[in-house]
Amino acid sequence: MKISKELKNATFEWDEDRKVFILYDHDGFNGTIELNKTYAFAFMRFVIRMAQRNWFRNKNLPNKVKSTEVLDEEESQDESQMALFN
């Protein structure tokens, strides 16, 4: 049994009999790529991780971490920090 998904520039196919994941290029420049089931699974894990990374990425990234000079001044003024050393 073959399961295939055809897109604009590529076709993906899983051949159950041969246990091979095949990627076809419609333009013919790169040809085809065949992955056995181990490599196909690793590829899918990679794709899912990249999708999750992009999905969960915070769009409103705060400014870079404050400089160490500013952090040193704040730490020296914090009373709770000084109580640990007394």
PDB file of N, CA and C in Angstrom:
ATOM      1  N   MET A   1       0.837  -1.174   0.000  1.00  0.00           N
ATOM      2  CA  MET A   1       0.000   0.000   0.000  1.00  0.00           C
ATOM      3  C   MET A   1       0.887   1.244   0.000  1.00  0.00           C
ATOM      4  N   LYS A   2       0.526   2.214  -0.800  1.00  0.00           N
ATOM      5  CA  LYS A   2       1.261   3.461  -0.885  1.00  0.00           C
ATOM      6  C   LYS A   2       0.372   4.608  -0.434  1.00  0.00           C
ATOM      7  N   ILE A   3       0.936   5.461   0.388  1.00  0.00           N
ATOM      8  CA  ILE A   3       0.248   6.670   0.832  1.00  0.00           C
ATOM      9  C   ILE A   3       1.031   7.831   0.248  1.00  0.00           C
ATOM     10  N   SER A   4       0.359   8.726  -0.457  1.00  0.00           N
ATOM     11  CA  SER A   4       1.079   9.835  -1.074  1.00  0.00           C
ATOM     12  C   SER A   4       0.353  11.150  -0.845  1.00  0.00           C
ATOM     13  N   LYS A   5       1.129  12.192  -0.818  1.00  0.00           N
ATOM     14  CA  LYS A   5       0.613  13.553  -0.686  1.00  0.00           C
ATOM     15  C   LYS A   5       1.302  14.385  -1.751  1.00  0.00           C
ATOM     16  N   GLU A   6       0.520  14.964  -2.638  1.00  0.00           N
ATOM     17  CA  GLU A   6       1.073  15.752  -3.727  1.00  0.00           C
ATOM     18  C   GLU A   6       0.885  17.236  -3.437  1.00  0.00           C
ATOM     19  N   LEU A   7       1.973  17.968  -3.504  1.00  0.00           N
ATOM     20  CA  LEU A   7       1.962  19.406  -3.302  1.00  0.00           C
ATOM     21  C   LEU A   7       2.384  20.100  -4.590  1.00  0.00           C
ATOM     22  N   LYS A   8       2.508  21.420  -4.520  1.00  0.00           N
ATOM     23  CA  LYS A   8       2.840  22.194  -5.714  1.00  0.00           C
ATOM     24  C   LYS A   8       4.221  21.840  -6.268  1.00  0.00           C
ATOM     25  N   ASN A   9       5.222  21.750  -5.415  1.00  0.00           N
ATOM     26  CA  ASN A   9       6.590  21.536  -5.879  1.00  0.00           C
ATOM     27  C   ASN A   9       7.181  20.182  -5.510  1.00  0.00           C
ATOM     28  N   ALA A  10       6.449  19.369  -4.755  1.00  0.00           N
ATOM     29  CA  ALA A  10       7.000  18.076  -4.340  1.00  0.00           C
ATOM     30  C   ALA A  10       5.870  17.100  -4.048  1.00  0.00           C
ATOM     31  N   THR A  11       6.237  15.828  -4.043  1.00  0.00           N
ATOM     32  CA  THR A  11       5.318  14.766  -3.674  1.00  0.00           C
ATOM     33  C   THR A  11       5.992  13.916  -2.612  1.00  0.00           C
ATOM     34  N   PHE A  12       5.231  13.573  -1.561  1.00  0.00           N
ATOM     35  CA  PHE A  12       5.723  12.718  -0.500  1.00  0.00           C
ATOM     36  C   PHE A  12       4.982  11.398  -0.588  1.00  0.00           C
ATOM     37  N   GLU A  13       5.713  10.302  -0.395  1.00  0.00           N
ATOM     38  CA  GLU A  13       5.081   8.999  -0.524  1.00  0.00           C
ATOM     39  C   GLU A  13       5.661   8.028   0.495  1.00  0.00           C
ATOM     40  N   TRP A  14       4.790   7.246   1.119  1.00  0.00           N
ATOM     41  CA  TRP A  14       5.213   6.178   2.009  1.00  0.00           C
ATOM     42  C   TRP A  14       4.814   4.855   1.373  1.00  0.00           C
ATOM     43  N   ASP A  15       5.796   4.010   1.106  1.00  0.00           N
ATOM     44  CA  ASP A  15       5.553   2.697   0.506  1.00  0.00           C
ATOM     45  C   ASP A  15       5.587   1.660   1.625  1.00  0.00           C
ATOM     46  N   GLU A  16       4.417   1.144   1.979  1.00  0.00           N
ATOM     47  CA  GLU A  16       4.302   0.205   3.100  1.00  0.00           C
ATOM     48  C   GLU A  16       5.005  -1.115   2.802  1.00  0.00           C
ATOM     49  N   ASP A  17       4.988  -1.556   1.558  1.00  0.00           N
ATOM     50  CA  ASP A  17       5.606  -2.841   1.201  1.00  0.00           C
ATOM     51  C   ASP A  17       7.124  -2.783   1.351  1.00  0.00           C
ATOM     52  N   ARG A  18       7.740  -1.717   0.873  1.00  0.00           N
ATOM     53  CA  ARG A  18       9.191  -1.577   0.930  1.00  0.00           C
ATOM     54  C   ARG A  18       9.679  -0.877   2.191  1.00  0.00           C
ATOM     55  N   LYS A  19       8.748  -0.274   2.974  1.00  0.00           N
ATOM     56  CA  LYS A  19       9.069   0.498   4.181  1.00  0.00           C
ATOM     57  C   LYS A  19      10.035   1.626   3.841  1.00  0.00           C
ATOM     58  N   VAL A  20       9.644   2.427   2.812  1.00  0.00           N
ATOM     59  CA  VAL A  20      10.486   3.511   2.327  1.00  0.00           C
ATOM     60  C   VAL A  20       9.655   4.786   2.224  1.00  0.00           C
ATOM     61  N   PHE A  21      10.237   5.892   2.685  1.00  0.00           N
ATOM     62  CA  PHE A  21       9.642   7.219   2.555  1.00  0.00           C
ATOM     63  C   PHE A  21      10.335   7.900   1.384  1.00  0.00           C
ATOM     64  N   ILE A  22       9.580   8.346   0.385  1.00  0.00           N
ATOM     65  CA  ILE A  22      10.159   8.893  -0.839  1.00  0.00           C
ATOM     66  C   ILE A  22       9.688  10.324  -1.035  1.00  0.00           C
ATOM     67  N   LEU A  23      10.615  11.206  -1.376  1.00  0.00           N
ATOM     68  CA  LEU A  23      10.304  12.596  -1.712  1.00  0.00           C
ATOM     69  C   LEU A  23      10.646  12.791  -3.181  1.00  0.00           C
ATOM     70  N   TYR A  24       9.659  13.231  -3.974  1.00  0.00           N
ATOM     71  CA  TYR A  24       9.853  13.499  -5.392  1.00  0.00           C
ATOM     72  C   TYR A  24       9.848  14.996  -5.624  1.00  0.00           C
ATOM     73  N   ASP A  25      10.764  15.452  -6.455  1.00  0.00           N
ATOM     74  CA  ASP A  25      10.812  16.857  -6.848  1.00  0.00           C
ATOM     75  C   ASP A  25      10.137  16.990  -8.200  1.00  0.00           C
ATOM     76  N   HIS A  26       9.150  17.880  -8.308  1.00  0.00           N
ATOM     77  CA  HIS A  26       8.424  18.044  -9.575  1.00  0.00           C
ATOM     78  C   HIS A  26       9.261  18.723 -10.642  1.00  0.00           C
ATOM     79  N   ASP A  27      10.207  19.566 -10.247  1.00  0.00           N
ATOM     80  CA  ASP A  27      11.032  20.262 -11.232  1.00  0.00           C
ATOM     81  C   ASP A  27      12.075  19.345 -11.847  1.00  0.00           C
ATOM     82  N   GLY A  28      12.431  18.287 -11.152  1.00  0.00           N
ATOM     83  CA  GLY A  28      13.402  17.352 -11.695  1.00  0.00           C
ATOM     84  C   GLY A  28      14.843  17.752 -11.470  1.00  0.00           C
ATOM     85  N   PHE A  29      15.084  18.863 -10.793  1.00  0.00           N
ATOM     86  CA  PHE A  29      16.466  19.298 -10.575  1.00  0.00           C
ATOM     87  C   PHE A  29      17.162  18.428  -9.534  1.00  0.00           C
ATOM     88  N   ASN A  30      16.459  18.104  -8.468  1.00  0.00           N
ATOM     89  CA  ASN A  30      17.080  17.356  -7.385  1.00  0.00           C
ATOM     90  C   ASN A  30      16.711  15.877  -7.395  1.00  0.00           C
ATOM     91  N   GLY A  31      15.798  15.463  -8.234  1.00  0.00           N
ATOM     92  CA  GLY A  31      15.433  14.063  -8.323  1.00  0.00           C
ATOM     93  C   GLY A  31      14.593  13.602  -7.162  1.00  0.00           C
ATOM     94  N   THR A  32      14.916  12.430  -6.624  1.00  0.00           N
ATOM     95  CA  THR A  32      14.152  11.858  -5.526  1.00  0.00           C
ATOM     96  C   THR A  32      15.075  11.541  -4.360  1.00  0.00           C
ATOM     97  N   ILE A  33      14.454  11.431  -3.201  1.00  0.00           N
ATOM     98  CA  ILE A  33      15.170  11.028  -1.988  1.00  0.00           C
ATOM     99  C   ILE A  33      14.399   9.877  -1.384  1.00  0.00           C
ATOM    100  N   GLU A  34      15.086   8.777  -1.087  1.00  0.00           N
ATOM    101  CA  GLU A  34      14.462   7.637  -0.448  1.00  0.00           C
ATOM    102  C   GLU A  34      15.068   7.455   0.928  1.00  0.00           C
ATOM    103  N   LEU A  35      14.203   7.364   1.931  1.00  0.00           N
ATOM    104  CA  LEU A  35      14.637   7.151   3.307  1.00  0.00           C
ATOM    105  C   LEU A  35      14.020   5.865   3.830  1.00  0.00           C
ATOM    106  N   ASN A  36      14.857   5.010   4.460  1.00  0.00           N
ATOM    107  CA  ASN A  36      14.268   3.823   5.071  1.00  0.00           C
ATOM    108  C   ASN A  36      13.483   4.246   6.306  1.00  0.00           C
ATOM    109  N   LYS A  37      12.817   3.319   6.961  1.00  0.00           N
ATOM    110  CA  LYS A  37      11.901   3.712   8.038  1.00  0.00           C
ATOM    111  C   LYS A  37      12.615   4.365   9.214  1.00  0.00           C
ATOM    112  N   THR A  38      13.858   3.988   9.480  1.00  0.00           N
ATOM    113  CA  THR A  38      14.601   4.609  10.582  1.00  0.00           C
ATOM    114  C   THR A  38      14.903   6.064  10.270  1.00  0.00           C
ATOM    115  N   TYR A  39      15.418   6.330   9.081  1.00  0.00           N
ATOM    116  CA  TYR A  39      15.732   7.697   8.692  1.00  0.00           C
ATOM    117  C   TYR A  39      14.475   8.538   8.476  1.00  0.00           C
ATOM    118  N   ALA A  40      13.409   7.902   7.995  1.00  0.00           N
ATOM    119  CA  ALA A  40      12.141   8.616   7.822  1.00  0.00           C
ATOM    120  C   ALA A  40      11.607   9.060   9.182  1.00  0.00           C
ATOM    121  N   PHE A  41      11.713   8.195  10.191  1.00  0.00           N
ATOM    122  CA  PHE A  41      11.266   8.548  11.538  1.00  0.00           C
ATOM    123  C   PHE A  41      12.111   9.686  12.103  1.00  0.00           C
ATOM    124  N   ALA A  42      13.436   9.618  11.913  1.00  0.00           N
ATOM    125  CA  ALA A  42      14.318  10.680  12.393  1.00  0.00           C
ATOM    126  C   ALA A  42      14.007  12.002  11.687  1.00  0.00           C
ATOM    127  N   PHE A  43      13.729  11.942  10.393  1.00  0.00           N
ATOM    128  CA  PHE A  43      13.383  13.148   9.647  1.00  0.00           C
ATOM    129  C   PHE A  43      12.083  13.756  10.166  1.00  0.00           C
ATOM    130  N   MET A  44      11.092  12.930  10.427  1.00  0.00           N
ATOM    131  CA  MET A  44       9.815  13.429  10.931  1.00  0.00           C
ATOM    132  C   MET A  44       9.971  14.037  12.320  1.00  0.00           C
ATOM    133  N   ARG A  45      10.801  13.441  13.170  1.00  0.00           N
ATOM    134  CA  ARG A  45      11.062  14.028  14.489  1.00  0.00           C
ATOM    135  C   ARG A  45      11.703  15.399  14.340  1.00  0.00           C
ATOM    136  N   PHE A  46      12.621  15.523  13.396  1.00  0.00           N
ATOM    137  CA  PHE A  46      13.274  16.807  13.141  1.00  0.00           C
ATOM    138  C   PHE A  46      12.250  17.844  12.682  1.00  0.00           C
ATOM    139  N   VAL A  47      11.378  17.463  11.763  1.00  0.00           N
ATOM    140  CA  VAL A  47      10.363  18.388  11.249  1.00  0.00           C
ATOM    141  C   VAL A  47       9.428  18.833  12.369  1.00  0.00           C
ATOM    142  N   ILE A  48       9.011  17.905  13.209  1.00  0.00           N
ATOM    143  CA  ILE A  48       8.106  18.246  14.307  1.00  0.00           C
ATOM    144  C   ILE A  48       8.788  19.166  15.305  1.00  0.00           C
ATOM    145  N   ARG A  49      10.050  18.906  15.612  1.00  0.00           N
ATOM    146  CA  ARG A  49      10.776  19.777  16.540  1.00  0.00           C
ATOM    147  C   ARG A  49      10.912  21.194  15.994  1.00  0.00           C
ATOM    148  N   MET A  50      11.199  21.321  14.707  1.00  0.00           N
ATOM    149  CA  MET A  50      11.322  22.658  14.123  1.00  0.00           C
ATOM    150  C   MET A  50       9.971  23.370  14.118  1.00  0.00           C
ATOM    151  N   ALA A  51       8.901  22.637  13.850  1.00  0.00           N
ATOM    152  CA  ALA A  51       7.573  23.248  13.866  1.00  0.00           C
ATOM    153  C   ALA A  51       7.202  23.699  15.275  1.00  0.00           C
ATOM    154  N   GLN A  52       7.491  22.873  16.280  1.00  0.00           N
ATOM    155  CA  GLN A  52       7.198  23.256  17.660  1.00  0.00           C
ATOM    156  C   GLN A  52       8.055  24.436  18.090  1.00  0.00           C
ATOM    157  N   ARG A  53       9.305  24.432  17.679  1.00  0.00           N
ATOM    158  CA  ARG A  53      10.207  25.529  18.027  1.00  0.00           C
ATOM    159  C   ARG A  53       9.659  26.842  17.479  1.00  0.00           C
ATOM    160  N   ASN A  54       9.218  26.831  16.254  1.00  0.00           N
ATOM    161  CA  ASN A  54       8.682  28.048  15.649  1.00  0.00           C
ATOM    162  C   ASN A  54       7.315  28.404  16.218  1.00  0.00           C
ATOM    163  N   TRP A  55       6.521  27.395  16.584  1.00  0.00           N
ATOM    164  CA  TRP A  55       5.187  27.648  17.109  1.00  0.00           C
ATOM    165  C   TRP A  55       5.252  28.271  18.506  1.00  0.00           C
ATOM    166  N   PHE A  56       6.132  27.733  19.367  1.00  0.00           N
ATOM    167  CA  PHE A  56       6.198  28.189  20.746  1.00  0.00           C
ATOM    168  C   PHE A  56       7.132  29.378  20.947  1.00  0.00           C
ATOM    169  N   ARG A  57       7.804  29.796  19.903  1.00  0.00           N
ATOM    170  CA  ARG A  57       8.726  30.919  20.023  1.00  0.00           C
ATOM    171  C   ARG A  57       7.953  32.178  20.389  1.00  0.00           C
ATOM    172  N   ASN A  58       8.493  32.922  21.340  1.00  0.00           N
ATOM    173  CA  ASN A  58       7.861  34.151  21.799  1.00  0.00           C
ATOM    174  C   ASN A  58       8.058  35.232  20.736  1.00  0.00           C
ATOM    175  N   LYS A  59       6.976  35.775  20.238  1.00  0.00           N
ATOM    176  CA  LYS A  59       7.059  36.790  19.183  1.00  0.00           C
ATOM    177  C   LYS A  59       7.575  38.124  19.723  1.00  0.00           C
ATOM    178  N   ASN A  60       7.219  38.462  20.965  1.00  0.00           N
ATOM    179  CA  ASN A  60       7.648  39.721  21.565  1.00  0.00           C
ATOM    180  C   ASN A  60       8.874  39.472  22.437  1.00  0.00           C
ATOM    181  N   LEU A  61      10.002  39.301  21.809  1.00  0.00           N
ATOM    182  CA  LEU A  61      11.213  39.038  22.561  1.00  0.00           C
ATOM    183  C   LEU A  61      11.638  40.285  23.321  1.00  0.00           C
ATOM    184  N   PRO A  62      11.907  40.150  24.609  1.00  0.00           N
ATOM    185  CA  PRO A  62      12.369  41.312  25.368  1.00  0.00           C
ATOM    186  C   PRO A  62      13.772  41.699  24.943  1.00  0.00           C
ATOM    187  N   ASN A  63      14.196  42.887  25.357  1.00  0.00           N
ATOM    188  CA  ASN A  63      15.550  43.326  25.037  1.00  0.00           C
ATOM    189  C   ASN A  63      16.554  42.360  25.639  1.00  0.00           C
ATOM    190  N   LYS A  64      17.763  42.446  25.182  1.00  0.00           N
ATOM    191  CA  LYS A  64      18.817  41.571  25.675  1.00  0.00           C
ATOM    192  C   LYS A  64      18.955  41.726  27.186  1.00  0.00           C
ATOM    193  N   VAL A  65      19.602  40.757  27.813  1.00  0.00           N
ATOM    194  CA  VAL A  65      19.805  40.792  29.258  1.00  0.00           C
ATOM    195  C   VAL A  65      20.594  42.036  29.626  1.00  0.00           C
ATOM    196  N   LYS A  66      20.267  42.599  30.756  1.00  0.00           N
ATOM    197  CA  LYS A  66      20.951  43.806  31.201  1.00  0.00           C
ATOM    198  C   LYS A  66      22.445  43.544  31.314  1.00  0.00           C
ATOM    199  N   SER A  67      23.203  44.590  31.188  1.00  0.00           N
ATOM    200  CA  SER A  67      24.649  44.428  31.284  1.00  0.00           C
ATOM    201  C   SER A  67      25.014  43.978  32.688  1.00  0.00           C
ATOM    202  N   THR A  68      26.162  43.385  32.845  1.00  0.00           N
ATOM    203  CA  THR A  68      26.577  42.869  34.147  1.00  0.00           C
ATOM    204  C   THR A  68      26.783  43.995  35.154  1.00  0.00           C
ATOM    205  N   GLU A  69      27.145  45.166  34.692  1.00  0.00           N
ATOM    206  CA  GLU A  69      27.330  46.284  35.607  1.00  0.00           C
ATOM    207  C   GLU A  69      26.020  46.641  36.296  1.00  0.00           C
ATOM    208  N   VAL A  70      24.939  46.662  35.557  1.00  0.00           N
ATOM    209  CA  VAL A  70      23.639  46.995  36.128  1.00  0.00           C
ATOM    210  C   VAL A  70      23.202  45.891  37.090  1.00  0.00           C
ATOM    211  N   LEU A  71      23.436  44.625  36.731  1.00  0.00           N
ATOM    212  CA  LEU A  71      23.058  43.525  37.603  1.00  0.00           C
ATOM    213  C   LEU A  71      23.852  43.565  38.904  1.00  0.00           C
ATOM    214  N   ASP A  72      25.144  43.899  38.822  1.00  0.00           N
ATOM    215  CA  ASP A  72      25.966  43.976  40.033  1.00  0.00           C
ATOM    216  C   ASP A  72      25.443  45.047  40.971  1.00  0.00           C
ATOM    217  N   GLU A  73      25.035  46.182  40.459  1.00  0.00           N
ATOM    218  CA  GLU A  73      24.507  47.259  41.289  1.00  0.00           C
ATOM    219  C   GLU A  73      23.203  46.837  41.952  1.00  0.00           C
ATOM    220  N   GLU A  74      22.328  46.153  41.212  1.00  0.00           N
ATOM    221  CA  GLU A  74      21.057  45.726  41.772  1.00  0.00           C
ATOM    222  C   GLU A  74      21.255  44.685  42.864  1.00  0.00           C
ATOM    223  N   GLU A  75      22.176  43.758  42.647  1.00  0.00           N
ATOM    224  CA  GLU A  75      22.430  42.717  43.637  1.00  0.00           C
ATOM    225  C   GLU A  75      22.991  43.294  44.923  1.00  0.00           C
ATOM    226  N   SER A  76      23.852  44.287  44.822  1.00  0.00           N
ATOM    227  CA  SER A  76      24.451  44.858  46.022  1.00  0.00           C
ATOM    228  C   SER A  76      23.433  45.660  46.823  1.00  0.00           C
ATOM    229  N   GLN A  77      22.387  46.149  46.200  1.00  0.00           N
ATOM    230  CA  GLN A  77      21.383  46.936  46.892  1.00  0.00           C
ATOM    231  C   GLN A  77      20.249  46.083  47.446  1.00  0.00           C
ATOM    232  N   ASP A  78      20.164  44.832  47.076  1.00  0.00           N
ATOM    233  CA  ASP A  78      19.070  43.971  47.520  1.00  0.00           C
ATOM    234  C   ASP A  78      19.357  43.469  48.931  1.00  0.00           C
ATOM    235  N   GLU A  79      18.486  43.809  49.896  1.00  0.00           N
ATOM    236  CA  GLU A  79      18.686  43.452  51.301  1.00  0.00           C
ATOM    237  C   GLU A  79      18.582  41.945  51.527  1.00  0.00           C
ATOM    238  N   SER A  80      17.716  41.260  50.793  1.00  0.00           N
ATOM    239  CA  SER A  80      17.564  39.820  50.991  1.00  0.00           C
ATOM    240  C   SER A  80      18.826  39.085  50.584  1.00  0.00           C
ATOM    241  N   GLN A  81      19.558  39.598  49.640  1.00  0.00           N
ATOM    242  CA  GLN A  81      20.814  38.993  49.227  1.00  0.00           C
ATOM    243  C   GLN A  81      21.874  39.174  50.308  1.00  0.00           C
ATOM    244  N   MET A  82      21.866  40.312  50.949  1.00  0.00           N
ATOM    245  CA  MET A  82      22.862  40.599  51.979  1.00  0.00           C
ATOM    246  C   MET A  82      22.583  39.784  53.243  1.00  0.00           C
ATOM    247  N   ALA A  83      21.333  39.431  53.509  1.00  0.00           N
ATOM    248  CA  ALA A  83      20.992  38.683  54.709  1.00  0.00           C
ATOM    249  C   ALA A  83      21.605  37.296  54.699  1.00  0.00           C
ATOM    250  N   LEU A  84      21.863  36.741  53.548  1.00  0.00           N
ATOM    251  CA  LEU A  84      22.457  35.407  53.461  1.00  0.00           C
ATOM    252  C   LEU A  84      23.899  35.405  53.933  1.00  0.00           C
ATOM    253  N   PHE A  85      24.578  36.504  53.789  1.00  0.00           N
ATOM    254  CA  PHE A  85      25.982  36.568  54.157  1.00  0.00           C
ATOM    255  C   PHE A  85      26.207  36.971  55.606  1.00  0.00           C
ATOM    256  N   ASN A  86      25.200  37.457  56.293  1.00  0.00           N
ATOM    257  CA  ASN A  86      25.376  37.920  57.683  1.00  0.00           C
ATOM    258  C   ASN A  86      25.237  36.794  58.663  1.00  0.00           C
TER     259      ASN A  86
END
